[in-house]
N, C-alpha and C. Protein backbone atom coordinates (compact mmCIF):
# COMPACT_ATOMS: atom_id res chain seq x y z
N UNK A 1 -91.25 -68.48 26.97
CA UNK A 1 -90.24 -68.32 27.98
C UNK A 1 -89.98 -66.97 27.87
N UNK A 2 -89.34 -66.42 29.59
CA UNK A 2 -89.03 -64.65 29.48
C UNK A 2 -88.01 -64.53 29.40
N UNK A 3 -87.09 -63.59 28.68
CA UNK A 3 -85.82 -63.00 28.81
C UNK A 3 -85.81 -61.74 29.58
N UNK A 4 -84.68 -61.39 29.81
CA UNK A 4 -84.56 -59.94 30.47
C UNK A 4 -83.49 -59.46 29.48
N UNK A 5 -83.82 -57.86 29.31
CA UNK A 5 -82.86 -57.27 27.92
C UNK A 5 -82.35 -56.00 28.60
N UNK A 6 -81.45 -55.73 28.64
CA UNK A 6 -80.77 -54.70 29.22
C UNK A 6 -80.27 -53.52 27.84
N UNK A 7 -80.20 -52.49 27.94
CA UNK A 7 -80.12 -51.42 27.03
C UNK A 7 -79.53 -50.60 27.71
N UNK A 8 -78.45 -50.39 26.80
CA UNK A 8 -76.75 -49.42 27.36
C UNK A 8 -76.67 -48.41 26.65
N UNK A 9 -76.54 -46.84 27.24
CA UNK A 9 -75.30 -45.95 26.89
C UNK A 9 -76.77 -45.22 26.04
N UNK A 10 -76.66 -45.08 24.51
CA UNK A 10 -77.56 -44.23 24.12
C UNK A 10 -78.68 -44.37 24.12
N UNK A 11 -78.16 -46.59 23.96
CA UNK A 11 -79.29 -46.74 23.71
C UNK A 11 -80.74 -46.51 24.59
N UNK A 12 -80.36 -46.90 25.77
CA UNK A 12 -81.05 -47.16 27.10
C UNK A 12 -81.33 -45.02 26.98
N UNK A 13 -80.77 -44.20 26.61
CA UNK A 13 -81.80 -43.17 26.16
C UNK A 13 -83.14 -42.77 25.48
N UNK A 14 -82.15 -44.31 24.36
CA UNK A 14 -83.21 -43.66 23.18
C UNK A 14 -84.68 -44.17 23.50
N UNK A 15 -84.71 -45.61 24.46
CA UNK A 15 -85.69 -46.12 24.58
C UNK A 15 -86.68 -46.22 26.08
N UNK A 16 -85.65 -45.12 26.68
CA UNK A 16 -86.48 -44.35 28.39
C UNK A 16 -86.81 -45.49 29.21
N UNK A 17 -85.46 -46.65 28.77
CA UNK A 17 -85.83 -47.78 30.41
C UNK A 17 -84.25 -48.56 30.44
N UNK A 18 -83.99 -48.90 31.60
CA UNK A 18 -82.83 -49.46 31.16
C UNK A 18 -82.83 -51.17 31.29
N UNK A 19 -84.07 -51.22 30.95
CA UNK A 19 -84.49 -53.09 31.08
C UNK A 19 -86.18 -53.45 30.74
N UNK A 20 -86.23 -54.49 30.07
CA UNK A 20 -87.35 -55.25 29.66
C UNK A 20 -87.58 -56.75 29.57
N UNK A 21 -88.46 -57.10 30.10
CA UNK A 21 -88.39 -58.39 30.02
C UNK A 21 -89.85 -58.76 29.07
N UNK A 22 -89.15 -59.57 27.76
CA UNK A 22 -89.73 -59.77 26.83
C UNK A 22 -90.13 -61.43 27.01
N UNK A 23 -91.68 -61.87 26.72
CA UNK A 23 -91.63 -62.89 26.18
C UNK A 23 -91.71 -63.27 25.27
N UNK A 24 -90.87 -64.65 24.59
CA UNK A 24 -90.38 -65.35 23.54
C UNK A 24 -90.96 -67.12 23.38
N UNK A 25 -91.27 -67.18 22.06
CA UNK A 25 -91.15 -68.90 22.20
C UNK A 25 -90.27 -69.51 22.45
N UNK A 26 -90.29 -70.57 22.86
CA UNK A 26 -89.40 -71.94 22.94
C UNK A 26 -88.59 -71.82 21.89
N UNK A 27 -87.25 -72.25 21.59
CA UNK A 27 -86.21 -72.23 20.34
C UNK A 27 -86.27 -70.77 19.44
N UNK A 28 -86.70 -69.66 20.18
CA UNK A 28 -86.21 -68.01 19.78
C UNK A 28 -84.50 -68.26 19.78
N UNK A 29 -84.45 -67.23 18.77
CA UNK A 29 -83.06 -66.69 18.88
C UNK A 29 -83.10 -65.04 19.25
N UNK A 30 -81.65 -64.43 18.91
CA UNK A 30 -81.48 -63.68 19.55
C UNK A 30 -82.66 -62.38 18.32
N UNK A 31 -82.47 -63.13 17.20
CA UNK A 31 -83.21 -62.54 15.68
C UNK A 31 -84.50 -62.34 15.94
N UNK A 32 -85.19 -63.62 16.41
CA UNK A 32 -86.33 -63.14 17.03
C UNK A 32 -86.97 -62.29 18.03
N UNK A 33 -85.85 -62.22 19.08
CA UNK A 33 -86.19 -61.39 20.00
C UNK A 33 -85.63 -59.82 19.93
N UNK A 34 -84.89 -59.82 18.77
CA UNK A 34 -84.87 -58.30 17.99
C UNK A 34 -86.19 -57.63 17.48
N UNK A 35 -86.64 -58.77 16.66
CA UNK A 35 -88.14 -58.31 15.92
C UNK A 35 -89.25 -57.68 16.90
N UNK A 36 -89.31 -58.48 18.05
CA UNK A 36 -90.04 -58.09 18.95
C UNK A 36 -90.14 -56.91 19.78
N UNK A 37 -88.83 -57.07 19.99
CA UNK A 37 -88.19 -55.46 20.44
C UNK A 37 -88.31 -54.09 19.65
N UNK A 38 -88.11 -54.18 18.51
CA UNK A 38 -88.17 -53.35 17.55
C UNK A 38 -89.78 -53.23 17.26
N UNK A 39 -90.61 -53.84 17.56
CA UNK A 39 -92.11 -54.07 17.36
C UNK A 39 -92.33 -53.14 18.78
N UNK A 40 -92.11 -53.36 19.55
CA UNK A 40 -92.56 -52.20 20.85
C UNK A 40 -91.66 -50.56 20.67
N UNK A 41 -90.26 -51.06 20.55
CA UNK A 41 -89.32 -49.69 20.38
C UNK A 41 -88.82 -49.22 19.01
N UNK A 42 -89.55 -48.80 18.14
CA UNK A 42 -89.10 -49.07 16.48
C UNK A 42 -88.10 -47.52 16.24
N UNK A 43 -87.63 -46.92 17.07
CA UNK A 43 -86.90 -45.71 17.48
C UNK A 43 -85.52 -46.83 17.41
N UNK A 44 -85.28 -47.76 17.67
CA UNK A 44 -84.27 -48.86 17.68
C UNK A 44 -83.31 -49.56 16.29
N UNK A 45 -84.90 -49.44 15.66
CA UNK A 45 -84.48 -49.93 14.22
C UNK A 45 -83.46 -49.26 13.42
N UNK A 46 -83.04 -48.53 13.52
CA UNK A 46 -82.19 -47.23 12.88
C UNK A 46 -80.92 -48.02 13.65
N UNK A 47 -81.04 -48.45 14.96
CA UNK A 47 -79.38 -48.91 15.48
C UNK A 47 -79.38 -50.25 14.85
N UNK A 48 -80.22 -50.90 13.95
CA UNK A 48 -79.78 -52.69 14.05
C UNK A 48 -78.39 -53.11 13.67
N UNK A 49 -77.90 -52.00 12.34
CA UNK A 49 -76.80 -52.39 11.83
C UNK A 49 -75.48 -52.42 12.77
N UNK A 50 -75.73 -51.80 13.71
CA UNK A 50 -74.61 -51.16 14.42
C UNK A 50 -74.63 -51.80 15.56
N UNK A 51 -75.86 -52.47 16.18
CA UNK A 51 -75.79 -52.85 17.40
C UNK A 51 -74.63 -54.16 18.00
N UNK A 52 -74.42 -54.24 18.88
CA UNK A 52 -73.98 -55.39 19.77
C UNK A 52 -74.72 -56.23 20.41
N UNK A 53 -74.65 -57.31 20.63
CA UNK A 53 -75.55 -58.17 21.49
C UNK A 53 -74.77 -59.11 22.19
N UNK A 54 -74.99 -59.44 23.45
CA UNK A 54 -74.52 -60.25 24.66
C UNK A 54 -75.27 -60.73 25.25
N UNK A 55 -74.62 -62.11 25.71
CA UNK A 55 -76.04 -62.83 25.89
C UNK A 55 -74.67 -63.25 27.64
N UNK A 56 -74.90 -63.20 28.59
CA UNK A 56 -74.23 -63.23 29.93
C UNK A 56 -72.55 -62.20 29.54
N UNK A 57 -71.80 -62.86 29.64
CA UNK A 57 -69.85 -62.11 29.62
C UNK A 57 -69.65 -62.35 27.91
N UNK A 58 -70.36 -62.94 27.19
CA UNK A 58 -69.77 -63.28 25.69
C UNK A 58 -71.04 -62.22 24.66
N UNK A 59 -70.34 -62.21 23.81
CA UNK A 59 -71.31 -61.45 22.52
C UNK A 59 -71.58 -62.54 21.40
N UNK A 60 -72.79 -62.58 21.07
CA UNK A 60 -73.64 -63.20 20.37
C UNK A 60 -73.97 -62.78 18.78
N UNK A 61 -73.94 -63.51 18.18
CA UNK A 61 -74.85 -63.10 16.86
C UNK A 61 -76.42 -63.50 17.11
N UNK A 62 -77.02 -63.49 16.03
CA UNK A 62 -77.83 -62.96 15.66
C UNK A 62 -78.72 -64.20 15.67
N UNK A 63 -78.10 -65.45 15.22
CA UNK A 63 -78.50 -66.82 15.64
C UNK A 63 -78.49 -67.63 16.63
N UNK A 64 -78.16 -66.76 17.60
CA UNK A 64 -77.94 -67.69 19.15
C UNK A 64 -79.46 -68.13 19.63
N UNK A 65 -79.28 -69.37 19.86
CA UNK A 65 -81.17 -69.90 20.48
C UNK A 65 -80.53 -69.54 22.27
N UNK A 66 -81.86 -68.64 22.11
CA UNK A 66 -82.31 -68.02 23.77
C UNK A 66 -82.22 -69.18 24.87
N UNK A 67 -81.97 -68.77 26.01
CA UNK A 67 -82.38 -69.51 26.99
C UNK A 67 -83.10 -69.40 27.83
N UNK A 68 -84.69 -69.92 28.73
CA UNK A 68 -84.85 -69.22 29.66
C UNK A 68 -84.46 -68.57 30.70
N UNK A 69 -85.02 -67.42 30.60
CA UNK A 69 -84.00 -66.29 31.95
C UNK A 69 -83.20 -65.97 31.94
N UNK A 70 -82.53 -65.99 30.61
CA UNK A 70 -81.29 -65.60 29.88
C UNK A 70 -81.24 -64.16 30.15
N UNK A 71 -80.11 -63.37 30.19
CA UNK A 71 -79.86 -62.15 30.03
C UNK A 71 -79.40 -61.39 28.76
N UNK A 72 -79.73 -60.54 27.91
CA UNK A 72 -79.52 -60.18 27.20
C UNK A 72 -79.12 -58.42 26.83
N UNK A 73 -78.02 -58.50 26.98
CA UNK A 73 -77.67 -56.90 26.76
C UNK A 73 -77.67 -56.49 25.38
N UNK A 74 -77.75 -55.18 25.33
CA UNK A 74 -78.25 -54.51 23.65
C UNK A 74 -77.36 -53.00 24.09
N UNK A 75 -76.25 -53.21 23.19
CA UNK A 75 -75.44 -51.74 22.83
C UNK A 75 -74.43 -50.78 21.91
N UNK A 76 -74.64 -50.14 21.92
CA UNK A 76 -74.00 -49.38 20.76
C UNK A 76 -72.33 -49.99 20.95
N UNK A 77 -71.81 -49.78 19.50
CA UNK A 77 -70.73 -50.11 19.04
C UNK A 77 -69.66 -49.70 20.37
N UNK A 78 -68.55 -50.23 20.72
CA UNK A 78 -67.67 -49.72 21.27
C UNK A 78 -66.83 -48.99 20.50
N UNK A 79 -66.58 -47.75 20.96
CA UNK A 79 -66.02 -46.69 20.94
C UNK A 79 -64.32 -46.58 22.08
N UNK A 80 -63.03 -46.03 21.56
CA UNK A 80 -62.44 -45.73 22.31
C UNK A 80 -61.45 -44.71 21.99
N UNK A 81 -60.85 -43.69 22.50
CA UNK A 81 -60.30 -42.48 21.90
C UNK A 81 -59.31 -42.00 22.49
């Protein structure tokens, strides 16, 4: 199944693209998706412990089960001033 992944802020600059379409197996989780993305974009691995992951308009954890056509957002931690 296909999942659309969007990158934000410095992560978008790091990978050099706004979005990526990834094919994952039925029943895959966000963890599985990240493993595939890291294989294609190893620079992101350094940010693994700090990224936030959104599905639709909600933040999700790495055990979140993906649905076909889902939009996943990968972003750096929110910072304020």
